[in-house]
């Protein structure tokens, strides 16, 4: 049942987890009719809300009309190829992966090797546009953690226009904006004065008896931002660690790196999953990034100011 090739624009489901069960009905108790392969692509032909009202995530996807998979390990993606006849500014610019996944290489040479696999919705700072001897157009991307570079085919990356980086509700005084994160309901709500203007489900830090990665309660401000970030942390006594290039739309609110950001490694918002950060869909994280202060100029991949938007974690 694996589907590798579809036309552009169709909504697909990328299977995130290996041997992921495909059920006969949108119910975990129904018979398993197949096990889905990690990174396989299936047309999403429907979305259903499960009958169990107590479940924090009740969304199931119908996969190619064959059966049903819970949304937690299915990333909705599209396949969009891009014009590679581009000009990259001297200081670089922001790019977004617009296909389900692309392998990133350590060089453009014929003997190149794969460094990572980049996924739909991830963002990277583009340093250069290059053309190899076979006339393939590549983008050189910054590894903003190790300060190396990656190479990916240019047509798999969309240049993010400056119009998508402009602030939202710019006319609202900064002190009238606030974000309230409710850890019990796993939601974030944006307020302009007393008026709620945006709400999204989130995945906060996982609480463990040993301490774990619970998101810290308190009062903060969004003082640092990155439109993209390679996040990594080694395994320790509380978890297996992670290595996640291209995390999109990062808005930090603590000095030790807790942030709002997009997540592509799960789709289980409403359930705690993170190592302390506030996971959101990339679309929701982008809204938060644009609505909060400081406003990041399009030519920057890191920006900080002291007095950002108020954040309440409760």
C-alpha atoms as a PDB file:
ATOM      1  CA  UNK A   1       0.000   0.000   0.000  1.00  0.00           C
ATOM      2  CA  UNK A   2       2.977   2.324  -0.090  1.00  0.00           C
ATOM      3  CA  UNK A   3       2.537   5.328  -2.375  1.00  0.00           C
ATOM      4  CA  UNK A   4       5.714   7.081  -3.490  1.00  0.00           C
ATOM      5  CA  UNK A   5       4.567   9.255  -6.401  1.00  0.00           C
ATOM      6  CA  UNK A   6       1.588  11.602  -6.527  1.00  0.00           C
ATOM      7  CA  UNK A   7       0.837  14.868  -8.231  1.00  0.00           C
ATOM      8  CA  UNK A   8       1.590  18.232  -6.709  1.00  0.00           C
ATOM      9  CA  UNK A   9      -0.876  19.817  -4.323  1.00  0.00           C
ATOM     10  CA  UNK A  10      -2.513  16.657  -2.977  1.00  0.00           C
ATOM     11  CA  UNK A  11      -2.675  16.255   0.793  1.00  0.00           C
ATOM     12  CA  UNK A  12      -0.553  13.303   1.830  1.00  0.00           C
ATOM     13  CA  UNK A  13       0.217  11.657   5.131  1.00  0.00           C
ATOM     14  CA  UNK A  14       3.876  10.943   5.883  1.00  0.00           C
ATOM     15  CA  UNK A  15       4.198   8.037   8.300  1.00  0.00           C
ATOM     16  CA  UNK A  16       6.489   9.175  11.116  1.00  0.00           C
ATOM     17  CA  UNK A  17       6.848   5.940  13.090  1.00  0.00           C
ATOM     18  CA  UNK A  18       7.915   2.484  11.789  1.00  0.00           C
ATOM     19  CA  UNK A  19       5.344  -0.322  11.622  1.00  0.00           C
ATOM     20  CA  UNK A  20       2.546   2.110  12.399  1.00  0.00           C
ATOM     21  CA  UNK A  21      -0.840   0.340  12.618  1.00  0.00           C
ATOM     22  CA  UNK A  22      -3.521   0.897   9.995  1.00  0.00           C
ATOM     23  CA  UNK A  23      -6.883   0.006  11.503  1.00  0.00           C
ATOM     24  CA  UNK A  24     -10.100  -1.154   9.929  1.00  0.00           C
ATOM     25  CA  UNK A  25     -11.995   1.641  11.715  1.00  0.00           C
ATOM     26  CA  UNK A  26     -11.039   4.898  13.509  1.00  0.00           C
ATOM     27  CA  UNK A  27     -10.711   3.055  16.798  1.00  0.00           C
ATOM     28  CA  UNK A  28      -7.576   1.608  18.396  1.00  0.00           C
ATOM     29  CA  UNK A  29      -9.600  -1.462  19.334  1.00  0.00           C
ATOM     30  CA  UNK A  30     -10.479  -2.274  15.732  1.00  0.00           C
ATOM     31  CA  UNK A  31      -8.515  -4.895  13.743  1.00  0.00           C
ATOM     32  CA  UNK A  32      -5.094  -3.912  12.400  1.00  0.00           C
ATOM     33  CA  UNK A  33      -5.108  -4.499   8.651  1.00  0.00           C
ATOM     34  CA  UNK A  34      -1.591  -3.302   7.819  1.00  0.00           C
ATOM     35  CA  UNK A  35       1.621  -1.923   9.312  1.00  0.00           C
ATOM     36  CA  UNK A  36       2.795   1.292   7.635  1.00  0.00           C
ATOM     37  CA  UNK A  37       6.441   1.888   6.774  1.00  0.00           C
ATOM     38  CA  UNK A  38       8.208   4.970   8.159  1.00  0.00           C
ATOM     39  CA  UNK A  39       8.405   7.812   5.609  1.00  0.00           C
ATOM     40  CA  UNK A  40       5.898   6.111   3.304  1.00  0.00           C
ATOM     41  CA  UNK A  41       3.352   8.486   1.780  1.00  0.00           C
ATOM     42  CA  UNK A  42      -0.383   7.919   1.647  1.00  0.00           C
ATOM     43  CA  UNK A  43      -3.173  10.147   0.316  1.00  0.00           C
ATOM     44  CA  UNK A  44      -5.284  11.417   3.202  1.00  0.00           C
ATOM     45  CA  UNK A  45      -8.805  10.769   1.922  1.00  0.00           C
ATOM     46  CA  UNK A  46     -10.669  11.734   5.083  1.00  0.00           C
ATOM     47  CA  UNK A  47     -10.389  12.896   8.675  1.00  0.00           C
ATOM     48  CA  UNK A  48     -12.580  11.610  11.498  1.00  0.00           C
ATOM     49  CA  UNK A  49     -13.148  12.496  15.139  1.00  0.00           C
ATOM     50  CA  UNK A  50     -13.146   9.403  17.374  1.00  0.00           C
ATOM     51  CA  UNK A  51     -16.125   8.746  19.629  1.00  0.00           C
ATOM     52  CA  UNK A  52     -13.999   8.714  22.799  1.00  0.00           C
ATOM     53  CA  UNK A  53     -14.539  12.225  24.165  1.00  0.00           C
ATOM     54  CA  UNK A  54     -11.927  11.722  26.899  1.00  0.00           C
ATOM     55  CA  UNK A  55      -9.046  11.258  24.457  1.00  0.00           C
ATOM     56  CA  UNK A  56      -6.877  14.407  24.229  1.00  0.00           C
ATOM     57  CA  UNK A  57      -6.315  13.799  20.506  1.00  0.00           C
ATOM     58  CA  UNK A  58      -9.375  12.318  18.786  1.00  0.00           C
ATOM     59  CA  UNK A  59      -8.306  12.845  15.165  1.00  0.00           C
ATOM     60  CA  UNK A  60      -7.920   9.873  12.808  1.00  0.00           C
ATOM     61  CA  UNK A  61      -6.992   9.938   9.125  1.00  0.00           C
ATOM     62  CA  UNK A  62      -8.422   7.729   6.407  1.00  0.00           C
ATOM     63  CA  UNK A  63      -5.401   6.608   4.387  1.00  0.00           C
ATOM     64  CA  UNK A  64      -6.025   6.179   0.653  1.00  0.00           C
ATOM     65  CA  UNK A  65      -9.479   4.753   1.405  1.00  0.00           C
ATOM     66  CA  UNK A  66      -7.800   1.596   2.757  1.00  0.00           C
ATOM     67  CA  UNK A  67      -8.131   2.078   6.509  1.00  0.00           C
ATOM     68  CA  UNK A  68      -7.552   4.471   9.397  1.00  0.00           C
ATOM     69  CA  UNK A  69      -4.427   5.656  11.227  1.00  0.00           C
ATOM     70  CA  UNK A  70      -4.384   7.813  14.338  1.00  0.00           C
ATOM     71  CA  UNK A  71      -3.043  11.268  13.538  1.00  0.00           C
ATOM     72  CA  UNK A  72      -0.358  11.265  16.245  1.00  0.00           C
ATOM     73  CA  UNK A  73       2.270   9.703  13.949  1.00  0.00           C
ATOM     74  CA  UNK A  74       1.052  10.990  10.576  1.00  0.00           C
ATOM     75  CA  UNK A  75       2.425  14.329   9.313  1.00  0.00           C
ATOM     76  CA  UNK A  76       0.119  16.014   6.774  1.00  0.00           C
ATOM     77  CA  UNK A  77       2.333  17.086   3.856  1.00  0.00           C
ATOM     78  CA  UNK A  78       2.196  18.203   0.234  1.00  0.00           C
ATOM     79  CA  UNK A  79       4.585  17.968  -2.683  1.00  0.00           C
ATOM     80  CA  UNK A  80       5.428  21.357  -4.169  1.00  0.00           C
ATOM     81  CA  UNK A  81       8.428  21.923  -6.413  1.00  0.00           C
ATOM     82  CA  UNK A  82       9.866  25.404  -6.768  1.00  0.00           C
ATOM     83  CA  UNK A  83      11.516  27.646  -9.324  1.00  0.00           C
ATOM     84  CA  UNK A  84      15.286  27.285  -9.018  1.00  0.00           C
ATOM     85  CA  UNK A  85      16.003  30.384 -11.119  1.00  0.00           C
ATOM     86  CA  UNK A  86      16.619  32.496  -8.031  1.00  0.00           C
ATOM     87  CA  UNK A  87      19.040  34.998  -6.561  1.00  0.00           C
ATOM     88  CA  UNK A  88      20.195  34.578  -2.963  1.00  0.00           C
ATOM     89  CA  UNK A  89      21.094  37.792  -1.076  1.00  0.00           C
ATOM     90  CA  UNK A  90      24.683  38.192   0.063  1.00  0.00           C
ATOM     91  CA  UNK A  91      23.702  37.608   3.714  1.00  0.00           C
ATOM     92  CA  UNK A  92      21.414  34.709   2.850  1.00  0.00           C
ATOM     93  CA  UNK A  93      17.680  34.240   3.221  1.00  0.00           C
ATOM     94  CA  UNK A  94      15.125  31.875   4.718  1.00  0.00           C
ATOM     95  CA  UNK A  95      13.949  28.752   2.903  1.00  0.00           C
ATOM     96  CA  UNK A  96      11.266  26.166   3.621  1.00  0.00           C
ATOM     97  CA  UNK A  97      11.166  22.505   2.556  1.00  0.00           C
ATOM     98  CA  UNK A  98       8.007  21.991   0.469  1.00  0.00           C
ATOM     99  CA  UNK A  99       8.125  18.268  -0.333  1.00  0.00           C
ATOM    100  CA  UNK A 100       7.488  15.372   2.091  1.00  0.00           C
ATOM    101  CA  UNK A 101      11.226  14.863   2.610  1.00  0.00           C
ATOM    102  CA  UNK A 102      14.571  15.451   0.938  1.00  0.00           C
ATOM    103  CA  UNK A 103      17.987  14.026   1.679  1.00  0.00           C
ATOM    104  CA  UNK A 104      20.571  16.655   2.618  1.00  0.00           C
ATOM    105  CA  UNK A 105      24.173  15.996   1.596  1.00  0.00           C
ATOM    106  CA  UNK A 106      27.580  16.936   2.943  1.00  0.00           C
ATOM    107  CA  UNK A 107      28.724  18.153  -0.498  1.00  0.00           C
ATOM    108  CA  UNK A 108      27.686  18.434  -4.167  1.00  0.00           C
ATOM    109  CA  UNK A 109      30.403  16.040  -5.343  1.00  0.00           C
ATOM    110  CA  UNK A 110      29.529  12.680  -6.959  1.00  0.00           C
ATOM    111  CA  UNK A 111      30.859  10.807  -3.899  1.00  0.00           C
ATOM    112  CA  UNK A 112      28.673  12.856  -1.525  1.00  0.00           C
ATOM    113  CA  UNK A 113      26.941  11.198   1.420  1.00  0.00           C
ATOM    114  CA  UNK A 114      23.633  11.854   3.154  1.00  0.00           C
ATOM    115  CA  UNK A 115      23.982  13.926   6.330  1.00  0.00           C
ATOM    116  CA  UNK A 116      20.297  14.173   7.315  1.00  0.00           C
ATOM    117  CA  UNK A 117      16.807  13.799   5.929  1.00  0.00           C
ATOM    118  CA  UNK A 118      14.885  17.086   5.996  1.00  0.00           C
ATOM    119  CA  UNK A 119      11.107  17.066   6.284  1.00  0.00           C
ATOM    120  CA  UNK A 120       8.167  19.090   5.027  1.00  0.00           C
ATOM    121  CA  UNK A 121       7.732  22.414   6.818  1.00  0.00           C
ATOM    122  CA  UNK A 122      11.283  22.593   8.153  1.00  0.00           C
ATOM    123  CA  UNK A 123      13.125  25.866   7.626  1.00  0.00           C
ATOM    124  CA  UNK A 124      16.788  26.643   6.925  1.00  0.00           C
ATOM    125  CA  UNK A 125      18.988  29.650   6.245  1.00  0.00           C
ATOM    126  CA  UNK A 126      20.117  29.560   2.609  1.00  0.00           C
ATOM    127  CA  UNK A 127      23.693  30.757   2.132  1.00  0.00           C
ATOM    128  CA  UNK A 128      24.271  30.255  -1.601  1.00  0.00           C
ATOM    129  CA  UNK A 129      22.818  29.057  -4.890  1.00  0.00           C
ATOM    130  CA  UNK A 130      25.250  26.738  -6.675  1.00  0.00           C
ATOM    131  CA  UNK A 131      25.264  24.779  -9.930  1.00  0.00           C
ATOM    132  CA  UNK A 132      27.284  21.565 -10.301  1.00  0.00           C
ATOM    133  CA  UNK A 133      28.901  20.056 -13.410  1.00  0.00           C
ATOM    134  CA  UNK A 134      25.682  18.220 -14.284  1.00  0.00           C
ATOM    135  CA  UNK A 135      23.866  21.587 -14.195  1.00  0.00           C
ATOM    136  CA  UNK A 136      21.888  20.602 -11.112  1.00  0.00           C
ATOM    137  CA  UNK A 137      20.995  23.646  -9.015  1.00  0.00           C
ATOM    138  CA  UNK A 138      21.697  23.331  -5.292  1.00  0.00           C
ATOM    139  CA  UNK A 139      21.201  25.470  -2.221  1.00  0.00           C
ATOM    140  CA  UNK A 140      23.904  25.571   0.403  1.00  0.00           C
ATOM    141  CA  UNK A 141      22.173  25.639   3.797  1.00  0.00           C
ATOM    142  CA  UNK A 142      23.647  26.724   7.111  1.00  0.00           C
ATOM    143  CA  UNK A 143      23.854  24.194   9.929  1.00  0.00           C
ATOM    144  CA  UNK A 144      23.198  26.762  12.625  1.00  0.00           C
ATOM    145  CA  UNK A 145      24.217  24.422  15.437  1.00  0.00           C
ATOM    146  CA  UNK A 146      27.579  23.106  14.223  1.00  0.00           C
ATOM    147  CA  UNK A 147      28.230  25.933  11.735  1.00  0.00           C
ATOM    148  CA  UNK A 148      28.778  23.558   8.875  1.00  0.00           C
ATOM    149  CA  UNK A 149      26.757  23.416   5.665  1.00  0.00           C
ATOM    150  CA  UNK A 150      24.275  21.101   3.946  1.00  0.00           C
ATOM    151  CA  UNK A 151      23.372  20.806   0.267  1.00  0.00           C
ATOM    152  CA  UNK A 152      19.886  20.113  -1.100  1.00  0.00           C
ATOM    153  CA  UNK A 153      18.367  20.394  -4.600  1.00  0.00           C
ATOM    154  CA  UNK A 154      17.049  23.933  -5.000  1.00  0.00           C
ATOM    155  CA  UNK A 155      13.665  22.951  -6.423  1.00  0.00           C
ATOM    156  CA  UNK A 156      12.735  21.287  -3.093  1.00  0.00           C
ATOM    157  CA  UNK A 157      13.065  24.581  -1.178  1.00  0.00           C
ATOM    158  CA  UNK A 158      10.767  27.610  -1.262  1.00  0.00           C
ATOM    159  CA  UNK A 159      12.264  31.020  -0.611  1.00  0.00           C
ATOM    160  CA  UNK A 160      10.147  32.578   2.152  1.00  0.00           C
ATOM    161  CA  UNK A 161       9.159  36.074   0.972  1.00  0.00           C
ATOM    162  CA  UNK A 162       9.513  39.106   3.230  1.00  0.00           C
ATOM    163  CA  UNK A 163       5.716  39.521   3.111  1.00  0.00           C
ATOM    164  CA  UNK A 164       5.384  36.355   5.223  1.00  0.00           C
ATOM    165  CA  UNK A 165       7.719  37.736   7.878  1.00  0.00           C
ATOM    166  CA  UNK A 166       5.880  40.992   8.554  1.00  0.00           C
ATOM    167  CA  UNK A 167       4.390  41.410  12.043  1.00  0.00           C
ATOM    168  CA  UNK A 168       0.752  40.557  12.768  1.00  0.00           C
ATOM    169  CA  UNK A 169      -1.314  43.208  14.629  1.00  0.00           C
ATOM    170  CA  UNK A 170       1.570  45.643  14.438  1.00  0.00           C
ATOM    171  CA  UNK A 171      -0.763  48.487  15.413  1.00  0.00           C
ATOM    172  CA  UNK A 172      -1.551  46.895  18.814  1.00  0.00           C
ATOM    173  CA  UNK A 173       0.668  48.308  21.597  1.00  0.00           C
ATOM    174  CA  UNK A 174       3.202  45.636  22.661  1.00  0.00           C
ATOM    175  CA  UNK A 175       2.062  45.775  26.295  1.00  0.00           C
ATOM    176  CA  UNK A 176      -1.484  44.907  25.202  1.00  0.00           C
ATOM    177  CA  UNK A 177      -0.334  41.555  23.824  1.00  0.00           C
ATOM    178  CA  UNK A 178       0.035  38.428  25.955  1.00  0.00           C
ATOM    179  CA  UNK A 179       0.222  34.662  25.533  1.00  0.00           C
ATOM    180  CA  UNK A 180      -1.368  32.316  28.067  1.00  0.00           C
ATOM    181  CA  UNK A 181      -0.370  28.644  28.048  1.00  0.00           C
ATOM    182  CA  UNK A 182      -2.704  26.306  29.941  1.00  0.00           C
ATOM    183  CA  UNK A 183      -0.825  23.099  30.679  1.00  0.00           C
ATOM    184  CA  UNK A 184      -3.955  21.234  31.788  1.00  0.00           C
ATOM    185  CA  UNK A 185      -5.858  21.852  28.565  1.00  0.00           C
ATOM    186  CA  UNK A 186      -2.658  21.858  26.435  1.00  0.00           C
ATOM    187  CA  UNK A 187      -3.578  25.097  24.699  1.00  0.00           C
ATOM    188  CA  UNK A 188      -2.079  28.514  24.064  1.00  0.00           C
ATOM    189  CA  UNK A 189      -4.245  31.604  23.689  1.00  0.00           C
ATOM    190  CA  UNK A 190      -3.120  34.984  22.354  1.00  0.00           C
ATOM    191  CA  UNK A 191      -4.777  38.080  23.810  1.00  0.00           C
ATOM    192  CA  UNK A 192      -4.915  41.653  22.614  1.00  0.00           C
ATOM    193  CA  UNK A 193      -6.050  43.359  25.784  1.00  0.00           C
ATOM    194  CA  UNK A 194      -8.887  41.154  27.074  1.00  0.00           C
ATOM    195  CA  UNK A 195      -9.803  39.842  23.625  1.00  0.00           C
ATOM    196  CA  UNK A 196      -8.666  36.373  22.549  1.00  0.00           C
ATOM    197  CA  UNK A 197      -7.444  36.555  18.947  1.00  0.00           C
ATOM    198  CA  UNK A 198      -5.820  33.142  18.473  1.00  0.00           C
ATOM    199  CA  UNK A 199      -5.860  29.711  20.097  1.00  0.00           C
ATOM    200  CA  UNK A 200      -3.984  26.520  19.298  1.00  0.00           C
ATOM    201  CA  UNK A 201      -3.430  23.101  20.775  1.00  0.00           C
ATOM    202  CA  UNK A 202       0.122  22.472  21.955  1.00  0.00           C
ATOM    203  CA  UNK A 203       2.362  19.739  23.296  1.00  0.00           C
ATOM    204  CA  UNK A 204       4.223  20.874  26.394  1.00  0.00           C
ATOM    205  CA  UNK A 205       6.991  19.139  28.328  1.00  0.00           C
ATOM    206  CA  UNK A 206       6.512  15.606  29.577  1.00  0.00           C
ATOM    207  CA  UNK A 207       6.238  15.292  33.350  1.00  0.00           C
ATOM    208  CA  UNK A 208       8.046  12.345  34.933  1.00  0.00           C
ATOM    209  CA  UNK A 209       8.217  11.241  38.546  1.00  0.00           C
ATOM    210  CA  UNK A 210      11.983  11.723  38.420  1.00  0.00           C
ATOM    211  CA  UNK A 211      11.593  15.324  37.288  1.00  0.00           C
ATOM    212  CA  UNK A 212      11.638  14.971  33.533  1.00  0.00           C
ATOM    213  CA  UNK A 213      11.030  17.822  31.151  1.00  0.00           C
ATOM    214  CA  UNK A 214       7.964  19.628  32.487  1.00  0.00           C
ATOM    215  CA  UNK A 215       7.454  23.082  30.978  1.00  0.00           C
ATOM    216  CA  UNK A 216       8.233  25.618  33.737  1.00  0.00           C
ATOM    217  CA  UNK A 217       5.280  27.578  35.063  1.00  0.00           C
ATOM    218  CA  UNK A 218       5.671  31.315  35.575  1.00  0.00           C
ATOM    219  CA  UNK A 219       5.857  34.677  33.839  1.00  0.00           C
ATOM    220  CA  UNK A 220       8.205  35.277  30.916  1.00  0.00           C
ATOM    221  CA  UNK A 221       8.777  37.287  27.738  1.00  0.00           C
ATOM    222  CA  UNK A 222       9.632  36.277  24.168  1.00  0.00           C
ATOM    223  CA  UNK A 223      13.010  37.971  24.020  1.00  0.00           C
ATOM    224  CA  UNK A 224      14.869  35.866  21.399  1.00  0.00           C
ATOM    225  CA  UNK A 225      13.798  34.415  18.060  1.00  0.00           C
ATOM    226  CA  UNK A 226      15.091  32.277  15.221  1.00  0.00           C
ATOM    227  CA  UNK A 227      13.145  31.431  12.055  1.00  0.00           C
ATOM    228  CA  UNK A 228      15.026  28.114  12.001  1.00  0.00           C
ATOM    229  CA  UNK A 229      17.120  26.127  14.449  1.00  0.00           C
ATOM    230  CA  UNK A 230      19.038  22.859  14.581  1.00  0.00           C
ATOM    231  CA  UNK A 231      18.021  21.566  18.013  1.00  0.00           C
ATOM    232  CA  UNK A 232      19.935  18.717  19.628  1.00  0.00           C
ATOM    233  CA  UNK A 233      20.440  17.305  23.092  1.00  0.00           C
ATOM    234  CA  UNK A 234      22.270  14.117  24.135  1.00  0.00           C
ATOM    235  CA  UNK A 235      20.502  11.296  25.905  1.00  0.00           C
ATOM    236  CA  UNK A 236      20.451  11.409  29.691  1.00  0.00           C
ATOM    237  CA  UNK A 237      18.836   9.619  32.630  1.00  0.00           C
ATOM    238  CA  UNK A 238      15.415  11.040  31.749  1.00  0.00           C
ATOM    239  CA  UNK A 239      15.229  10.555  28.008  1.00  0.00           C
ATOM    240  CA  UNK A 240      16.728   9.335  24.753  1.00  0.00           C
ATOM    241  CA  UNK A 241      17.849  12.745  23.487  1.00  0.00           C
ATOM    242  CA  UNK A 242      17.141  14.253  20.076  1.00  0.00           C
ATOM    243  CA  UNK A 243      18.793  15.678  16.957  1.00  0.00           C
ATOM    244  CA  UNK A 244      16.351  17.810  14.949  1.00  0.00           C
ATOM    245  CA  UNK A 245      17.592  20.069  12.144  1.00  0.00           C
ATOM    246  CA  UNK A 246      15.333  22.727  10.693  1.00  0.00           C
ATOM    247  CA  UNK A 247      12.993  23.321  13.640  1.00  0.00           C
ATOM    248  CA  UNK A 248      10.778  26.155  12.345  1.00  0.00           C
ATOM    249  CA  UNK A 249       9.615  29.446  13.865  1.00  0.00           C
ATOM    250  CA  UNK A 250      11.327  29.471  17.264  1.00  0.00           C
ATOM    251  CA  UNK A 251      10.294  32.067  19.856  1.00  0.00           C
ATOM    252  CA  UNK A 252      12.284  31.654  23.091  1.00  0.00           C
ATOM    253  CA  UNK A 253      10.871  32.781  26.422  1.00  0.00           C
ATOM    254  CA  UNK A 254      13.458  31.526  28.950  1.00  0.00           C
ATOM    255  CA  UNK A 255      17.194  32.106  29.160  1.00  0.00           C
ATOM    256  CA  UNK A 256      17.927  28.358  28.985  1.00  0.00           C
ATOM    257  CA  UNK A 257      16.160  27.804  25.669  1.00  0.00           C
ATOM    258  CA  UNK A 258      12.513  26.957  26.332  1.00  0.00           C
ATOM    259  CA  UNK A 259      10.513  28.167  23.335  1.00  0.00           C
ATOM    260  CA  UNK A 260       7.416  28.034  21.184  1.00  0.00           C
ATOM    261  CA  UNK A 261       8.279  26.253  17.924  1.00  0.00           C
ATOM    262  CA  UNK A 262       6.915  24.093  15.156  1.00  0.00           C
ATOM    263  CA  UNK A 263       7.218  20.306  15.342  1.00  0.00           C
ATOM    264  CA  UNK A 264       7.407  17.855  12.439  1.00  0.00           C
ATOM    265  CA  UNK A 265       8.322  14.693  14.403  1.00  0.00           C
ATOM    266  CA  UNK A 266       4.817  14.158  15.787  1.00  0.00           C
ATOM    267  CA  UNK A 267       1.254  15.325  15.156  1.00  0.00           C
ATOM    268  CA  UNK A 268      -0.176  14.668  18.607  1.00  0.00           C
ATOM    269  CA  UNK A 269      -0.946  18.194  19.784  1.00  0.00           C
ATOM    270  CA  UNK A 270      -3.061  18.211  22.918  1.00  0.00           C
ATOM    271  CA  UNK A 271      -0.750  15.633  24.529  1.00  0.00           C
ATOM    272  CA  UNK A 272       2.563  16.484  26.324  1.00  0.00           C
ATOM    273  CA  UNK A 273       5.528  15.328  24.232  1.00  0.00           C
ATOM    274  CA  UNK A 274       8.401  17.763  24.473  1.00  0.00           C
ATOM    275  CA  UNK A 275      11.619  18.243  26.430  1.00  0.00           C
ATOM    276  CA  UNK A 276      10.154  21.406  27.980  1.00  0.00           C
ATOM    277  CA  UNK A 277       9.343  23.524  24.935  1.00  0.00           C
ATOM    278  CA  UNK A 278       5.903  24.310  23.555  1.00  0.00           C
ATOM    279  CA  UNK A 279       5.442  22.179  20.418  1.00  0.00           C
ATOM    280  CA  UNK A 280       2.928  23.461  17.861  1.00  0.00           C
ATOM    281  CA  UNK A 281       2.091  22.853  14.222  1.00  0.00           C
ATOM    282  CA  UNK A 282       4.492  24.819  12.017  1.00  0.00           C
ATOM    283  CA  UNK A 283       1.581  27.008  10.893  1.00  0.00           C
ATOM    284  CA  UNK A 284       0.622  27.913  14.485  1.00  0.00           C
ATOM    285  CA  UNK A 285       4.258  28.494  15.488  1.00  0.00           C
ATOM    286  CA  UNK A 286       4.678  30.824  12.518  1.00  0.00           C
ATOM    287  CA  UNK A 287       1.666  32.877  13.669  1.00  0.00           C
ATOM    288  CA  UNK A 288       3.140  33.185  17.183  1.00  0.00           C
ATOM    289  CA  UNK A 289       6.529  34.122  15.683  1.00  0.00           C
ATOM    290  CA  UNK A 290       5.002  36.939  13.636  1.00  0.00           C
ATOM    291  CA  UNK A 291       2.549  38.201  16.266  1.00  0.00           C
ATOM    292  CA  UNK A 292       4.967  38.434  19.193  1.00  0.00           C
ATOM    293  CA  UNK A 293       7.797  40.894  19.684  1.00  0.00           C
ATOM    294  CA  UNK A 294      10.597  41.354  18.941  1.00  0.00           C
ATOM    295  CA  UNK A 295       9.935  41.543  15.202  1.00  0.00           C
ATOM    296  CA  UNK A 296      12.717  39.775  13.319  1.00  0.00           C
ATOM    297  CA  UNK A 297      13.968  41.553  10.166  1.00  0.00           C
ATOM    298  CA  UNK A 298      13.865  39.235   7.099  1.00  0.00           C
ATOM    299  CA  UNK A 299      17.656  39.401   6.713  1.00  0.00           C
ATOM    300  CA  UNK A 300      18.293  37.950  10.224  1.00  0.00           C
ATOM    301  CA  UNK A 301      18.337  34.304  11.312  1.00  0.00           C
ATOM    302  CA  UNK A 302      18.778  35.300  14.975  1.00  0.00           C
ATOM    303  CA  UNK A 303      17.404  38.340  16.772  1.00  0.00           C
ATOM    304  CA  UNK A 304      16.993  39.427  20.395  1.00  0.00           C
ATOM    305  CA  UNK A 305      15.561  42.323  22.401  1.00  0.00           C
ATOM    306  CA  UNK A 306      14.943  42.717  26.118  1.00  0.00           C
ATOM    307  CA  UNK A 307      11.241  43.575  26.210  1.00  0.00           C
ATOM    308  CA  UNK A 308       9.259  41.009  24.263  1.00  0.00           C
ATOM    309  CA  UNK A 309       5.665  39.810  24.496  1.00  0.00           C
ATOM    310  CA  UNK A 310       4.412  38.650  27.886  1.00  0.00           C
ATOM    311  CA  UNK A 311       4.023  34.888  28.360  1.00  0.00           C
ATOM    312  CA  UNK A 312       2.115  33.222  31.197  1.00  0.00           C
ATOM    313  CA  UNK A 313       2.585  29.482  31.746  1.00  0.00           C
ATOM    314  CA  UNK A 314      -0.033  28.138  34.162  1.00  0.00           C
END
